[in-house]
Protein backbone atom coordinates (compact mmCIF):
# COMPACT_ATOMS: atom_id res chain seq x y z
CA MET A 1 161.22 125.44 210.30
CA PHE A 2 158.86 122.53 210.99
CA TRP A 3 156.04 123.18 208.56
CA TYR A 4 157.99 124.00 205.37
CA ASP A 5 160.92 121.65 205.06
CA ALA A 6 162.35 118.82 203.01
CA THR A 7 160.51 116.18 205.04
CA TYR A 8 157.38 117.03 203.06
CA VAL A 9 158.73 114.69 200.39
CA ILE A 10 157.76 111.80 202.67
CA LEU A 11 154.12 112.82 202.32
CA ILE A 12 154.10 113.07 198.53
CA PRO A 13 153.33 109.37 197.74
CA ALA A 14 150.49 109.33 200.29
CA ILE A 15 149.10 112.61 198.95
CA ILE A 16 149.17 111.32 195.37
CA PHE A 17 147.54 108.06 196.45
CA THR A 18 144.83 110.01 198.30
CA PHE A 19 144.05 112.16 195.25
CA ILE A 20 143.86 109.05 193.05
CA ALA A 21 141.56 107.27 195.52
CA GLN A 22 139.27 110.28 195.87
CA GLY A 23 139.21 110.71 192.12
CA LYS A 24 138.16 107.10 191.62
CA VAL A 25 135.38 107.44 194.19
CA THR A 26 134.02 110.55 192.50
CA SER A 27 134.32 109.24 188.95
CA ASN A 28 132.78 105.83 189.71
CA PHE A 29 129.98 107.28 191.82
CA ASN A 30 129.15 109.87 189.16
CA LYS A 31 129.32 107.30 186.37
CA PHE A 32 127.08 104.72 188.03
CA SER A 33 124.74 107.36 189.41
CA LYS A 34 123.58 107.64 185.80
CA VAL A 35 122.92 103.90 185.49
CA ARG A 36 119.43 102.97 186.73
CA THR A 37 118.96 99.48 188.12
CA ARG A 38 116.58 97.26 186.16
CA ARG A 39 114.58 96.60 189.31
CA GLY A 40 114.27 100.33 189.93
CA MET A 41 114.85 100.20 193.68
CA THR A 42 115.93 103.33 195.51
CA GLY A 43 118.86 103.33 197.91
CA ALA A 44 116.46 103.35 200.86
CA GLU A 45 114.45 100.45 199.45
CA ALA A 46 117.59 98.42 198.80
CA ALA A 47 118.88 99.04 202.32
CA ARG A 48 115.48 98.16 203.78
CA LEU A 49 115.40 94.89 201.85
CA MET A 50 118.90 93.95 203.02
CA LEU A 51 118.17 94.89 206.63
CA ASP A 52 114.93 92.92 206.67
CA ALA A 53 116.63 89.90 205.09
CA ASN A 54 119.01 89.91 208.06
CA GLY A 55 116.27 90.28 210.66
CA LEU A 56 116.93 93.98 211.32
CA ARG A 57 113.42 95.35 210.89
CA ASP A 58 113.94 97.53 213.96
CA VAL A 59 116.72 99.54 212.28
CA ASP A 60 115.25 102.78 210.92
CA ILE A 61 116.34 104.58 207.77
CA GLU A 62 116.55 108.37 207.61
CA MET A 63 117.66 110.82 204.94
CA VAL A 64 120.40 113.34 205.73
CA ARG A 65 121.53 116.36 203.79
CA GLY A 66 124.58 116.30 201.55
CA SER A 67 126.27 113.92 199.17
CA LEU A 68 127.97 110.73 200.36
CA THR A 69 127.24 111.61 203.98
CA ASP A 70 125.80 108.11 204.41
CA HIS A 71 126.49 106.30 207.68
CA TYR A 72 125.11 103.84 210.20
CA ASP A 73 124.77 105.11 213.78
CA PRO A 74 125.19 102.17 216.18
CA ARG A 75 124.11 104.26 219.19
CA THR A 76 120.61 104.89 217.85
CA ARG A 77 120.49 101.95 215.40
CA VAL A 78 119.60 104.29 212.56
CA LEU A 79 120.85 104.06 208.97
CA ARG A 80 121.23 107.54 207.51
CA LEU A 81 121.37 107.93 203.74
CA SER A 82 122.35 111.07 201.88
CA GLU A 83 120.20 112.94 199.39
CA SER A 84 122.29 111.51 196.56
CA VAL A 85 121.50 107.95 197.69
CA CYS A 86 118.27 107.70 199.67
CA ASN A 87 115.59 108.13 196.97
CA VAL A 88 117.79 107.50 193.93
CA THR A 89 117.40 104.37 191.78
CA SER A 90 120.95 104.13 190.45
CA VAL A 91 123.54 101.37 190.77
CA ALA A 92 125.74 103.76 192.75
CA ALA A 93 122.93 104.62 195.18
CA VAL A 94 121.96 101.04 196.01
CA SER A 95 125.64 100.08 196.36
CA VAL A 96 126.34 102.78 198.95
CA ALA A 97 123.06 102.07 200.77
CA CYS A 98 123.76 98.34 201.01
CA HIS A 99 127.32 99.01 202.19
CA GLU A 100 125.94 101.01 205.11
CA ALA A 101 123.36 98.29 205.73
CA GLY A 102 126.34 95.95 205.94
CA HIS A 103 127.59 97.96 208.92
CA ALA A 104 124.21 97.51 210.61
CA VAL A 105 124.48 93.75 210.09
CA GLN A 106 128.01 93.80 211.51
CA HIS A 107 126.75 95.64 214.57
CA ALA A 108 123.90 93.18 215.11
CA GLU A 109 126.27 90.22 214.80
CA GLY A 110 128.87 91.72 217.14
CA TYR A 111 131.55 91.82 214.43
CA THR A 112 134.74 92.17 216.47
CA PRO A 113 136.69 94.69 214.32
CA LEU A 114 133.65 97.00 214.32
CA GLN A 115 133.32 96.74 218.09
CA VAL A 116 137.01 97.56 218.53
CA ARG A 117 136.81 100.51 216.15
CA ASN A 118 133.71 101.96 217.78
CA SER A 119 135.19 101.61 221.26
CA ILE A 120 138.32 103.62 220.44
CA VAL A 121 136.69 106.46 218.46
CA PRO A 122 136.73 108.98 221.37
CA VAL A 123 140.37 108.17 222.18
CA VAL A 124 141.42 108.44 218.53
CA ASN A 125 139.62 111.76 218.03
CA PHE A 126 141.56 113.16 220.98
CA ALA A 127 144.83 111.57 219.86
CA SER A 128 144.44 112.91 216.33
CA SER A 129 144.25 116.52 217.53
CA LEU A 130 146.97 116.00 220.14
CA SER A 131 149.67 114.15 218.20
CA TRP A 132 151.37 116.80 216.06
CA PRO A 133 151.33 119.74 218.54
CA VAL A 134 152.71 117.61 221.36
CA ALA A 135 155.38 115.94 219.18
CA ILE A 136 156.53 119.29 217.74
CA LEU A 137 156.64 120.86 221.21
CA GLY A 138 158.70 117.90 222.36
CA ILE A 139 161.18 118.42 219.52
CA ILE A 140 161.47 122.12 220.32
CA LEU A 141 162.13 121.40 224.00
CA LEU A 142 164.67 118.72 223.08
CA GLY A 143 166.54 121.36 221.09
CA ASN A 144 166.58 123.60 224.15
CA GLY A 145 167.95 120.81 226.34
CA SER A 146 164.72 120.28 228.31
CA TYR A 147 164.36 116.81 229.85
CA ILE A 148 160.58 116.84 229.32
CA GLY A 149 160.99 117.14 225.55
CA ASN A 150 161.60 113.43 225.05
CA THR A 151 158.50 112.55 227.10
CA LEU A 152 156.29 114.91 225.11
CA PHE A 153 157.65 113.61 221.83
CA ASN A 154 156.94 110.01 222.87
CA ILE A 155 153.38 110.97 223.84
CA GLY A 156 152.92 112.47 220.38
CA ILE A 157 154.24 109.30 218.76
CA ILE A 158 151.90 107.12 220.83
CA ALA A 159 149.00 109.33 219.74
CA MET A 160 150.01 108.87 216.10
CA LEU A 161 150.25 105.11 216.58
CA ALA A 162 146.72 105.16 217.99
CA VAL A 163 145.51 106.89 214.81
CA ILE A 164 147.36 104.35 212.66
CA PHE A 165 145.77 101.51 214.62
CA PHE A 166 142.33 103.05 214.08
CA HIS A 167 142.86 103.24 210.31
CA THR A 168 144.22 99.69 210.30
CA ILE A 169 141.20 98.24 212.14
CA THR A 170 138.93 100.25 209.84
CA LEU A 171 140.11 98.30 206.77
CA PRO A 172 138.53 94.92 207.66
CA VAL A 173 135.38 96.73 208.82
CA GLU A 174 134.91 98.52 205.50
CA TYR A 175 135.98 95.64 203.26
CA ASN A 176 133.68 93.25 205.13
CA ALA A 177 130.73 95.63 204.81
CA SER A 178 131.39 95.93 201.07
CA ARG A 179 131.63 92.15 200.68
CA ARG A 180 128.30 91.72 202.44
CA ALA A 181 126.78 94.37 200.19
CA LYS A 182 128.11 92.78 196.98
CA ASP A 183 126.88 89.32 197.95
CA GLN A 184 123.44 90.36 199.11
CA MET A 185 122.74 92.79 196.30
CA GLU A 186 123.00 89.85 193.91
CA GLU A 187 121.28 87.32 196.20
CA LEU A 188 118.32 89.65 196.80
CA GLY A 189 118.09 90.78 193.20
CA ILE A 190 118.83 94.42 194.00
CA VAL A 191 121.22 94.42 191.04
CA SER A 192 120.79 92.08 188.11
CA GLY A 193 123.07 91.12 185.27
CA SER A 194 126.84 91.26 185.02
CA GLU A 195 126.91 94.96 184.09
CA GLU A 196 125.08 96.13 187.22
CA ALA A 197 127.05 93.77 189.46
CA ALA A 198 130.32 94.99 187.95
CA GLY A 199 129.27 98.60 188.47
CA ALA A 200 128.42 97.95 192.10
CA ARG A 201 131.83 96.35 192.65
CA LYS A 202 133.60 99.34 191.08
CA VAL A 203 131.74 101.80 193.31
CA LEU A 204 132.47 99.82 196.47
CA ASN A 205 136.09 98.99 195.61
CA ALA A 206 136.83 102.64 194.88
CA ALA A 207 135.34 103.68 198.21
CA ALA A 208 137.43 101.07 200.03
CA MET A 209 140.63 102.52 198.57
CA THR A 210 140.03 105.81 200.41
CA TYR A 211 140.49 103.95 203.70
CA VAL A 212 143.79 102.51 202.48
CA ALA A 213 144.82 106.05 201.51
CA ALA A 214 143.94 107.31 205.00
CA LEU A 215 146.16 104.64 206.54
CA ALA A 216 148.99 105.51 204.15
CA ALA A 217 148.70 109.20 205.09
CA ALA A 218 148.80 108.39 208.81
CA ILE A 219 151.93 106.27 208.37
CA ALA A 220 153.57 108.98 206.24
CA ASN A 221 152.90 111.57 208.96
CA LEU A 222 154.56 109.31 211.55
CA LEU A 223 157.62 108.84 209.33
CA ARG A 224 157.80 112.58 208.75
CA ILE A 225 157.80 113.52 212.44
CA LEU A 226 160.50 110.91 213.08
CA ALA A 227 162.55 112.41 210.25
CA ILE A 228 162.13 115.91 211.71
CA ARG A 229 163.41 114.73 215.06
CA GLY A 230 166.30 112.90 213.46
CA ARG A 231 167.32 116.03 211.58
CA ARG A 232 167.15 118.15 214.74
CA GLU A 233 169.37 115.72 216.60
CA ASN A 234 172.06 115.71 213.86
């Protein structure tokens, strides 16, 4: 049995960490969604101000459906803000909007980690769907004495390492975007006073932890598949 076995214990710390990180994102976003900024800027207005301050007047802002579906599209140079952010005047909304504007600034400046991450997205998407099926098939064939089993297993491991690398390179990208947002929200007066600044930091720090959790989960999955193979060989 590959899907229900003792190796699941390897995943437990990462699963717990993921739940904690997601819980912090939800609780902080909900809490500071109720705190209106003194300046009364919407998420779209805050993002526009930050983009313009960095000479990015050609980057458009659009609203997309959903909650926390915010993202910057480097292909079209469009900043897309969710319904819970775009026209909302809360500390949470301007924090998320400015974080995404930070990605637009990174793109304009040619920030190396962002360029690396964007360049490997297609490969990682393929590797993510390929890794487990190929590795498990390799283990099964190894058990049947097939010489190709080891090759397939190694391909699966390489695919997992590619996913881990993607999550690793994502960390500096996200933390840098948050740092830019924190600095410029205060410099541009988007948030004012220690309470608003502290709230913005809590929202952005909580969001950053989800990327750490994703990396932890990817590493845990790699350790689990190695443990499954080790058990089969014993």
